[in-house]
Protein backbone atom coordinates (compact mmCIF):
# COMPACT_ATOMS: atom_id res chain seq x y z
CA MET A 1 56.59 -27.04 16.98
CA PRO A 2 56.26 -28.09 13.46
CA SER A 3 53.35 -26.75 11.89
CA ARG A 4 50.79 -28.90 10.10
CA THR A 5 49.14 -27.86 6.65
CA SER A 6 46.24 -30.31 6.65
CA SER A 7 43.86 -31.36 9.60
CA THR A 8 43.88 -34.92 8.71
CA PRO A 9 45.43 -37.08 11.35
CA ARG A 10 48.43 -39.00 10.47
CA VAL A 11 48.68 -42.64 12.45
CA ALA A 12 51.21 -45.09 12.30
CA VAL A 13 50.30 -48.33 13.18
CA LEU A 14 53.03 -51.47 13.73
CA ALA A 15 52.14 -54.73 13.88
CA ASP A 16 53.79 -58.14 14.37
CA SER A 17 50.97 -60.80 12.92
CA ASP A 18 47.40 -60.70 11.07
CA THR A 19 45.28 -60.16 13.86
CA ARG A 20 47.33 -57.61 15.62
CA TRP A 21 47.16 -55.86 12.17
CA LYS A 22 43.51 -56.21 12.04
CA TRP A 23 43.38 -54.70 16.04
CA GLY A 24 45.64 -51.88 15.53
CA ALA A 25 44.50 -50.44 12.35
CA LEU A 26 40.69 -50.80 12.92
CA THR A 27 41.70 -49.46 16.61
CA ALA A 28 43.57 -46.51 14.73
CA TYR A 29 40.07 -45.77 12.93
CA ARG A 30 37.80 -45.85 15.85
CA ILE A 31 40.45 -43.15 17.52
CA HIS A 32 40.83 -41.36 14.60
CA PRO A 33 37.88 -41.95 11.89
CA GLU A 34 39.02 -39.69 9.37
CA ALA A 35 43.30 -40.75 9.61
CA ARG A 36 45.63 -41.02 7.32
CA LEU A 37 46.93 -44.83 8.19
CA ASP A 38 50.40 -46.00 7.44
CA GLY A 39 50.88 -49.46 8.02
CA TYR A 40 54.11 -51.18 9.28
CA LEU A 41 54.39 -55.12 9.41
CA LEU A 42 57.08 -56.12 11.91
CA ARG A 43 59.33 -58.28 10.11
CA GLY A 44 59.40 -61.81 11.78
CA ARG A 45 57.75 -65.31 11.87
CA ALA A 46 54.27 -64.35 12.03
CA THR A 47 54.46 -61.33 9.54
CA PRO A 48 51.36 -61.67 7.37
CA THR A 49 51.13 -63.23 3.84
CA VAL A 50 48.95 -60.99 1.51
CA ARG A 51 46.07 -63.62 1.80
CA GLN A 52 45.97 -63.17 5.35
CA LEU A 53 45.94 -59.23 4.91
CA HIS A 54 43.41 -59.79 2.46
CA GLU A 55 41.20 -61.68 4.56
CA VAL A 56 41.73 -59.36 7.81
CA GLY A 57 40.38 -56.66 5.41
CA ALA A 58 41.75 -53.91 7.36
CA ARG A 59 43.09 -51.18 4.88
CA ALA A 60 45.98 -48.63 5.14
CA GLN A 61 47.04 -45.67 3.10
CA THR A 62 50.18 -47.50 2.78
CA LEU A 63 51.38 -50.70 4.19
CA ARG A 64 54.99 -52.16 4.24
CA GLU A 65 57.23 -54.52 5.97
CA ILE A 66 60.21 -53.20 8.20
CA ARG A 67 62.51 -54.14 10.79
CA GLY A 68 61.99 -52.68 14.34
CA ILE A 69 65.05 -50.53 13.86
CA ASP A 70 64.05 -49.24 10.86
CA PHE A 71 60.72 -48.49 12.35
CA LEU A 72 62.37 -46.53 15.50
CA ASP A 73 64.64 -44.51 12.75
CA LEU A 74 61.55 -43.67 10.59
CA MET A 75 59.65 -42.20 13.87
CA ARG A 76 63.11 -40.33 14.55
CA ALA A 77 63.09 -38.53 11.39
CA ASP A 78 58.98 -38.16 11.17
CA ALA A 79 59.00 -36.16 14.56
CA GLY A 80 60.94 -33.59 12.83
CA SER A 81 58.85 -33.17 9.86
CA ALA A 82 56.39 -30.69 8.75
CA GLU A 83 53.41 -32.86 9.41
CA PRO A 84 54.45 -35.60 12.16
CA TYR A 85 52.40 -38.61 13.16
CA ASP A 86 49.70 -37.36 15.67
CA THR A 87 49.46 -41.18 17.01
CA VAL A 88 51.38 -44.27 16.80
CA VAL A 89 49.46 -47.51 17.61
CA LEU A 90 51.82 -50.63 18.97
CA ALA A 91 49.98 -53.84 17.82
CA LEU A 92 52.57 -56.20 19.29
CA VAL A 93 53.38 -58.75 21.36
CA GLY A 94 54.42 -57.59 24.95
CA GLY A 95 58.34 -58.05 24.71
CA GLY A 96 57.84 -56.11 21.23
CA VAL A 97 55.89 -53.15 22.70
CA GLN A 98 58.61 -52.87 25.35
CA ALA A 99 61.07 -52.67 23.27
CA MET A 100 59.51 -49.75 20.81
CA LEU A 101 58.90 -47.84 23.68
CA HIS A 102 62.38 -47.79 24.78
CA GLY A 103 63.49 -47.21 21.50
CA LEU A 104 60.71 -44.42 20.78
CA ALA A 105 62.05 -42.99 24.10
CA ARG A 106 65.54 -42.66 22.94
CA ALA A 107 64.67 -41.62 19.36
CA TRP A 108 62.35 -38.96 20.05
CA GLU A 109 64.76 -37.33 22.74
CA GLY A 110 65.25 -33.75 22.22
CA THR A 111 62.45 -33.32 19.71
CA VAL A 112 59.60 -30.59 19.92
CA ARG A 113 56.51 -32.84 19.26
CA ARG A 114 55.98 -36.56 19.55
CA PRO A 115 52.72 -38.57 18.67
CA ALA A 116 50.84 -40.34 21.62
CA VAL A 117 51.42 -43.83 21.59
CA VAL A 118 48.57 -46.64 22.08
CA THR A 119 48.66 -49.99 22.49
CA GLY A 120 46.65 -52.94 24.25
CA TYR A 121 45.66 -56.47 23.62
CA VAL A 122 43.75 -57.92 20.53
CA GLY A 123 41.26 -60.27 22.44
CA VAL A 124 40.71 -61.80 25.80
CA VAL A 125 43.18 -61.93 28.20
CA TYR A 126 43.75 -64.82 30.00
CA GLU A 127 47.04 -65.62 30.93
CA LYS A 128 50.56 -63.37 31.90
CA LEU A 129 48.47 -60.83 32.91
CA ALA A 130 51.14 -58.92 35.12
CA ASP A 131 53.73 -60.09 32.55
CA GLY A 132 52.13 -58.80 29.90
CA LEU A 133 50.79 -55.37 31.30
CA LEU A 134 54.04 -54.67 32.85
CA LEU A 135 55.76 -55.05 29.11
CA ARG A 136 53.27 -52.41 27.71
CA HIS A 137 53.56 -49.76 30.65
CA GLY A 138 54.94 -46.50 29.26
CA ALA A 139 52.66 -46.28 26.28
CA ASP A 140 50.49 -42.92 26.94
CA VAL A 141 47.35 -45.10 26.41
CA VAL A 142 46.54 -48.31 27.42
CA LEU A 143 43.47 -49.81 26.18
CA ALA A 144 41.41 -52.26 28.18
CA ASN A 145 38.65 -53.95 26.06
CA SER A 146 35.95 -54.46 28.85
CA ARG A 147 35.41 -52.82 32.40
CA HIS A 148 36.73 -55.91 33.85
CA ASP A 149 39.96 -55.49 32.08
CA ALA A 150 40.20 -52.17 33.18
CA ASP A 151 39.80 -53.01 36.41
CA ARG A 152 42.10 -55.75 36.60
CA PHE A 153 44.72 -53.12 35.04
CA ARG A 154 44.57 -50.78 37.33
CA ALA A 155 45.36 -52.85 40.02
CA VAL A 156 48.40 -54.65 38.29
CA TYR A 157 50.12 -51.03 38.06
CA ARG A 158 48.93 -50.19 41.39
CA GLY A 159 50.44 -53.28 42.86
CA ALA A 160 54.22 -52.54 40.83
CA GLY A 161 53.96 -49.10 42.09
CA ALA A 162 53.48 -47.78 38.85
CA ASP A 163 51.31 -45.47 37.11
CA ASP A 164 47.80 -46.48 35.94
CA SER A 165 46.45 -43.36 34.23
CA ALA A 166 47.26 -45.15 30.88
CA VAL A 167 44.40 -47.65 31.32
CA THR A 168 41.46 -46.53 29.28
CA GLU A 169 38.20 -48.68 28.96
CA CYS A 170 36.91 -49.28 25.04
CA ALA A 171 36.12 -52.42 23.52
CA LEU A 172 37.25 -55.01 20.57
CA PRO A 173 37.32 -52.57 17.35
CA PHE A 174 36.18 -55.12 15.36
CA LEU A 175 32.84 -55.88 16.82
CA GLY A 176 30.08 -55.33 14.67
CA GLY A 177 27.78 -56.76 11.82
CA ASP A 178 23.86 -57.35 11.77
CA PRO A 179 22.03 -58.71 15.01
CA TYR A 180 21.32 -62.37 14.73
CA THR A 181 17.34 -62.35 14.17
CA GLY A 182 16.93 -66.24 13.94
CA GLU A 183 18.01 -69.31 12.10
CA HIS A 184 19.21 -70.22 8.58
CA ALA A 185 18.64 -72.54 6.11
CA PRO A 186 20.33 -74.82 6.55
CA TYR A 187 20.87 -74.38 10.35
CA THR A 188 24.74 -73.78 10.71
CA VAL A 189 26.70 -74.35 13.39
CA VAL A 190 30.64 -72.97 13.31
CA PHE A 191 33.43 -74.64 15.49
CA ALA A 192 36.26 -71.74 15.53
CA ALA A 193 39.34 -73.53 15.65
CA GLN A 194 42.41 -71.67 17.83
CA PRO A 195 46.23 -72.00 16.52
CA SER A 196 47.63 -72.96 20.01
CA VAL A 197 44.54 -73.80 22.24
CA PRO A 198 44.66 -76.93 22.80
CA ASP A 199 48.08 -77.52 22.26
CA ASN A 200 48.33 -81.63 21.30
CA ARG A 201 47.44 -83.94 18.91
CA ALA A 202 45.40 -85.71 20.73
CA ASP A 203 43.14 -82.99 22.47
CA ARG A 204 43.09 -81.20 18.91
CA GLY A 205 42.05 -84.11 17.21
CA TYR A 206 39.08 -84.73 19.79
CA LEU A 207 37.69 -81.43 19.26
CA LEU A 208 37.67 -81.86 15.48
CA ARG A 209 36.08 -85.58 15.82
CA ARG A 210 33.67 -83.87 17.77
CA ALA A 211 32.47 -81.45 15.25
CA VAL A 212 32.63 -84.39 12.43
CA GLU A 213 30.07 -86.43 14.75
CA HIS A 214 27.77 -83.63 15.39
CA ALA A 215 27.61 -83.18 11.27
CA ARG A 216 26.77 -86.72 11.15
CA GLU A 217 24.35 -87.22 13.55
CA HIS A 218 22.62 -84.17 12.40
CA PRO A 219 22.61 -84.24 8.53
CA ASP A 220 20.42 -81.10 8.38
CA ARG A 221 22.99 -78.89 9.45
CA GLU A 222 25.89 -77.38 7.94
CA VAL A 223 29.13 -77.50 10.55
CA LEU A 224 31.86 -75.26 9.28
CA ILE A 225 35.15 -75.51 11.04
CA LYS A 226 36.54 -72.22 10.74
CA LEU A 227 40.19 -72.12 10.47
CA ARG A 228 42.53 -68.76 10.83
CA SER A 229 45.75 -69.92 8.57
CA LYS A 230 46.65 -71.83 6.04
CA PRO A 231 49.68 -74.34 6.72
CA GLY A 232 52.71 -72.82 6.71
CA GLU A 233 51.33 -69.48 7.56
CA HIS A 234 51.42 -68.14 11.40
CA THR A 235 49.26 -65.79 13.19
CA THR A 236 49.36 -64.28 16.70
CA HIS A 237 50.18 -67.82 17.73
CA ILE A 238 52.16 -71.14 16.37
CA GLU A 239 50.11 -73.66 14.81
CA GLU A 240 52.15 -76.68 14.96
CA LEU A 241 49.19 -79.15 14.52
CA PRO A 242 47.22 -77.95 11.69
CA TYR A 243 43.35 -78.79 11.69
CA GLN A 244 43.90 -79.25 7.85
CA LYS A 245 46.27 -81.83 8.93
CA LEU A 246 44.08 -83.84 11.07
CA ALA A 247 41.08 -83.79 9.14
CA ALA A 248 42.89 -85.09 6.22
CA LYS A 249 42.99 -88.31 8.45
CA VAL A 250 39.45 -88.37 9.25
CA PRO A 251 38.49 -92.07 8.47
CA GLY A 252 36.24 -91.79 5.69
CA GLY A 253 36.61 -88.20 5.38
CA LEU A 254 34.78 -85.44 6.12
CA PRO A 255 30.52 -85.43 5.41
CA ALA A 256 29.28 -83.55 3.00
CA ASN A 257 27.33 -81.43 5.34
CA CYS A 258 31.12 -80.43 7.22
CA ARG A 259 33.94 -78.54 5.71
CA LEU A 260 36.84 -76.34 6.45
CA VAL A 261 36.60 -72.39 5.81
CA TYR A 262 38.44 -69.33 6.07
CA GLY A 263 37.72 -66.07 5.07
CA ASN A 264 36.99 -62.55 7.74
CA MET A 265 34.78 -63.91 10.92
CA GLY A 266 32.45 -61.50 10.65
CA GLU A 267 31.42 -62.74 7.09
CA VAL A 268 30.99 -66.29 8.46
CA LEU A 269 28.99 -64.89 11.40
CA ASP A 270 26.66 -63.64 9.13
CA ARG A 271 25.26 -67.17 8.42
CA THR A 272 26.05 -68.84 11.88
CA ASP A 273 23.47 -70.27 14.31
CA LEU A 274 25.65 -71.38 16.71
CA MET A 275 29.26 -70.44 17.29
CA VAL A 276 31.21 -73.24 19.11
CA THR A 277 35.05 -72.40 20.48
CA VAL A 278 37.31 -73.65 23.51
CA SER A 279 38.35 -69.49 24.22
CA SER A 280 38.62 -67.82 20.90
CA THR A 281 37.70 -63.98 20.80
CA ALA A 282 35.19 -65.36 18.04
CA ALA A 283 32.78 -65.97 20.91
CA LEU A 284 32.83 -62.02 21.95
CA GLU A 285 32.03 -61.44 18.75
CA SER A 286 29.54 -63.60 18.21
CA LEU A 287 27.96 -62.73 21.80
CA HIS A 288 27.84 -59.09 20.94
CA ARG A 289 25.71 -59.91 18.03
CA GLY A 290 23.40 -61.97 19.79
CA VAL A 291 24.31 -65.33 17.97
CA PRO A 292 23.79 -68.36 20.42
CA THR A 293 27.34 -68.98 21.63
CA ALA A 294 28.93 -72.39 23.26
CA VAL A 295 32.44 -72.33 25.01
CA LEU A 296 33.37 -75.56 25.36
CA THR A 297 34.46 -77.96 28.68
CA ASP A 298 34.75 -80.99 27.01
CA LEU A 299 38.61 -80.70 27.86
CA GLY A 300 37.85 -79.13 31.37
CA ILE A 301 37.37 -75.60 32.51
CA ARG A 302 41.38 -74.46 32.85
CA GLU A 303 43.43 -71.37 32.91
CA VAL A 304 45.51 -73.08 30.01
CA LEU A 305 42.77 -73.43 27.69
CA GLY A 306 41.12 -69.79 28.36
CA ASN A 307 37.85 -70.90 28.78
CA HIS A 308 37.89 -69.81 32.75
CA HIS A 309 37.70 -66.66 31.39
CA PHE A 310 33.58 -67.40 30.61
CA LEU A 311 32.99 -68.49 34.23
CA GLY A 312 29.78 -66.85 34.71
CA SER A 313 28.99 -66.23 31.02
CA GLY A 314 26.14 -68.75 30.77
CA CYS A 315 28.13 -70.21 27.74
CA LEU A 316 29.88 -73.38 29.16
CA ALA A 317 28.49 -76.41 27.49
CA SER A 318 30.00 -79.64 26.02
CA TRP A 319 29.60 -81.48 22.52
CA ASP A 320 27.08 -83.73 24.48
CA ASP A 321 24.85 -80.73 25.31
CA LEU A 322 25.15 -79.47 21.96
CA ASP A 323 24.66 -82.72 20.31
CA ALA A 324 21.03 -83.01 22.37
CA GLY A 325 20.06 -79.52 21.16
CA HIS A 326 21.38 -77.25 24.08
CA ARG A 327 21.78 -73.48 23.17
CA PRO A 328 23.39 -71.44 25.69
CA GLU A 329 21.78 -68.06 26.84
CA PRO A 330 24.60 -65.31 28.41
CA ASP A 331 24.28 -63.50 30.91
CA ALA A 332 23.58 -59.93 30.61
CA ASP A 333 25.60 -58.72 33.73
CA TRP A 334 28.35 -60.81 32.36
CA LEU A 335 27.99 -59.48 28.86
CA ALA A 336 28.06 -56.02 30.03
CA ARG A 337 31.53 -56.59 32.31
CA GLN A 338 33.12 -57.65 29.15
CA GLY A 339 32.95 -55.28 26.85
CA VAL A 340 30.50 -57.12 24.58
CA CYS A 341 28.08 -54.34 24.35
CA ALA A 342 25.43 -56.36 23.17
CA ASP A 343 22.99 -53.62 24.50
CA GLY A 344 23.61 -51.27 21.65
CA SER A 345 26.09 -49.22 23.66
CA TYR A 346 29.18 -50.13 21.06
CA PRO A 347 28.94 -46.74 19.30
CA ARG A 348 30.07 -45.18 22.61
CA ALA A 349 32.39 -47.60 23.56
CA PHE A 350 35.60 -45.34 22.29
CA ASP A 351 34.47 -41.81 23.29
CA ALA A 352 36.73 -42.24 26.44
CA VAL A 353 39.82 -43.04 24.48
CA ARG A 354 39.17 -40.54 21.46
CA ALA A 355 38.38 -37.71 24.42
CA LYS A 356 42.11 -39.16 26.41
CA VAL A 357 43.89 -38.83 23.03
CA ALA A 358 42.42 -35.44 21.98
CA ALA A 359 44.00 -34.15 25.24
CA LEU A 360 46.96 -35.67 25.06
CA HIS A 361 47.33 -34.01 21.70
CA ALA A 362 45.81 -30.38 22.78
CA ALA A 363 48.26 -30.26 25.91
CA GLY A 364 51.45 -29.30 24.05
CA PRO A 365 54.78 -31.15 24.06
CA LEU A 366 53.97 -34.81 25.74
CA PRO A 367 56.59 -35.63 28.32
CA PRO A 368 59.02 -38.56 27.34
CA LEU A 369 58.39 -41.85 27.26
CA THR A 370 59.07 -43.83 31.09
CA PRO A 371 58.63 -47.08 30.76
CA TYR A 372 57.94 -49.37 34.34
CA TYR A 373 61.05 -51.82 33.15
CA THR A 374 64.54 -50.00 32.93
CA PRO A 375 68.21 -50.91 33.20
CA ARG A 376 67.68 -50.14 37.21
CA THR A 377 64.23 -51.80 37.86
CA ALA A 378 64.64 -54.75 35.82
CA PRO A 379 68.37 -55.23 35.00
CA GLY A 380 68.23 -59.31 34.57
CA HIS A 381 65.08 -58.64 32.38
CA LEU A 382 65.27 -55.92 29.88
CA PRO A 383 68.38 -56.23 28.13
CA GLY A 384 67.19 -59.46 26.72
CA ILE A 385 64.22 -57.78 25.72
CA LEU A 386 65.68 -55.28 24.16
CA ALA A 387 68.44 -57.47 22.42
CA ARG A 388 65.68 -59.49 20.67
CA HIS A 389 64.64 -56.37 19.03
CA GLY A 390 68.40 -55.12 18.20
CA LEU A 391 68.67 -52.51 20.90
CA ASP A 392 71.12 -52.06 23.53
CA PRO A 393 69.62 -51.70 27.40
CA HIS A 394 69.04 -48.17 26.93
CA GLY A 395 67.26 -48.54 23.70
CA VAL A 396 69.89 -47.50 21.03
CA PRO A 397 70.30 -50.03 18.22
CA VAL A 398 73.56 -51.87 18.50
CA ALA A 399 76.71 -52.31 16.82
CA GLY A 400 75.63 -54.03 13.16
CA CYS A 401 72.07 -53.63 13.65
CA ALA A 402 72.04 -50.15 11.76
CA PRO A 403 69.00 -48.65 10.07
CA GLU A 404 68.75 -49.43 6.76
CA GLY A 405 69.97 -47.50 3.62
CA ARG A 406 72.14 -45.42 6.26
CA GLU A 407 75.23 -46.30 4.27
CA ALA A 408 73.64 -45.73 0.71
CA PRO A 409 75.92 -48.70 -1.00
CA GLY A 410 75.96 -48.66 -4.58
CA GLY A 411 73.88 -50.62 -7.32
CA LEU A 412 75.48 -53.56 -7.45
CA ARG A 413 76.01 -54.01 -4.01
CA ARG A 414 72.53 -53.02 -3.17
CA VAL A 415 71.15 -55.69 -5.34
CA ALA A 416 73.60 -58.25 -3.71
CA ARG A 417 72.75 -57.07 -0.10
CA ASP A 418 68.82 -57.45 -1.00
CA ALA A 419 69.35 -60.79 -2.59
CA VAL A 420 71.12 -62.20 0.69
CA ARG A 421 68.65 -60.43 3.14
CA GLU A 422 65.43 -61.97 1.14
CA ALA A 423 67.29 -65.65 1.18
CA ALA A 424 68.14 -65.16 4.98
CA ARG A 425 64.82 -64.27 5.47
CA GLY A 426 62.98 -66.86 3.63
CA ALA A 427 65.63 -69.37 5.58
CA TYR A 428 64.38 -67.85 8.74
CA ARG A 429 60.58 -68.12 8.14
CA HIS A 430 61.27 -71.85 6.96
CA GLY A 431 63.22 -72.46 9.99
CA VAL A 432 60.63 -71.19 12.83
CA GLN A 433 57.62 -72.48 10.81
CA ARG A 434 58.27 -75.64 9.27
CA VAL A 435 61.95 -77.30 10.64
CA ALA A 436 61.18 -75.96 14.59
CA PRO A 437 57.73 -77.46 14.76
CA ALA A 438 58.80 -80.42 13.28
CA ILE A 439 61.57 -81.23 15.54
CA ARG A 440 59.55 -80.59 18.73
CA ARG A 441 56.69 -82.77 17.53
CA TRP A 442 59.81 -85.47 17.31
CA GLY A 443 60.87 -84.85 20.56
CA GLN A 444 57.48 -85.44 21.83
CA LEU A 445 57.41 -89.26 20.38
């Protein structure tokens, strides 16, 4: 085993969007408070912009954009270094986690020491439970953000005949801030918009209209429409109908006491008196701080919206209720099961995962990564997932996807190669962020 010259834990976080970077980086610091953190942003349609990274606020000692196969090559080289990474956090969509698990298993073959691998979910898990969990199986630690999720995760793994020992209960890493102590001046209502919920113009227009009407009916209140991204940017989910464009078409414009805002959610919550959303993770952040929180029922309580997750919470309400002055009262038992930690237990929420990762490090050489999906268990499913990340069914980079820098081209050749790569990357992002959404909208006409 390579000897370390420093006691400071080294952690690598690979993320594919702004929200997953926030989750991954803050999770790393919850596990290793004194860590040296190296951040890697997976190149793709949702790679965060500089503005998004600044808004998220999660910091790292180094941060760079990278392809999946280059990350694997880097991990292979690092495993044999004098100070290899202690922990790798995969803050990716399920397919990305699965591809990296297979690629890392191949990259670390024959190494004396490998890092502990941690993954999980950035927020509320309200859809594709089995799909997402089985794609994450194989990591040393699969984080569950609540007791409710931990029970569900273990049930899925046991039902599939998979080992469930990796499931570890914790909480969302970005809960915090000062508790709510009373109304502000002016009384502030925040509607936390979501990129993909609801997913059609009529419903999104309805929600915006009701927020605007609430502002007009309550001129003594300030109504903030909290947005995650600006047009052309992407986050965890693609936003094809930005509220900015819908707001520009509001008859008469937005009233003086209603405006669009960006920024860190924690800072917005500092001045919030009523949080309103359909199913955003922002509801858990506000509940953690004791801010009155309403989960809208106007469009129904439906799995596709994710607000069914809040059944029993005491937070379900309609815009009509809120217009009439209703302030939801959350159910304490529901809060406890959902990892909100409104009772002051949050500082202890990560004790279990810290202990688990410490035990993995102390146990000596870790066994090879063994995801549930293999060419034998899922021969019609796994190859496609791996191929999207440049890997063959055994986790080996396919021909034509050699890691960058492996061929060491000459100066002029490298300049030309980099220019072509940047042009192709820009065209790709323009296609997935602008052209494809437009084509899909035209198809709905």
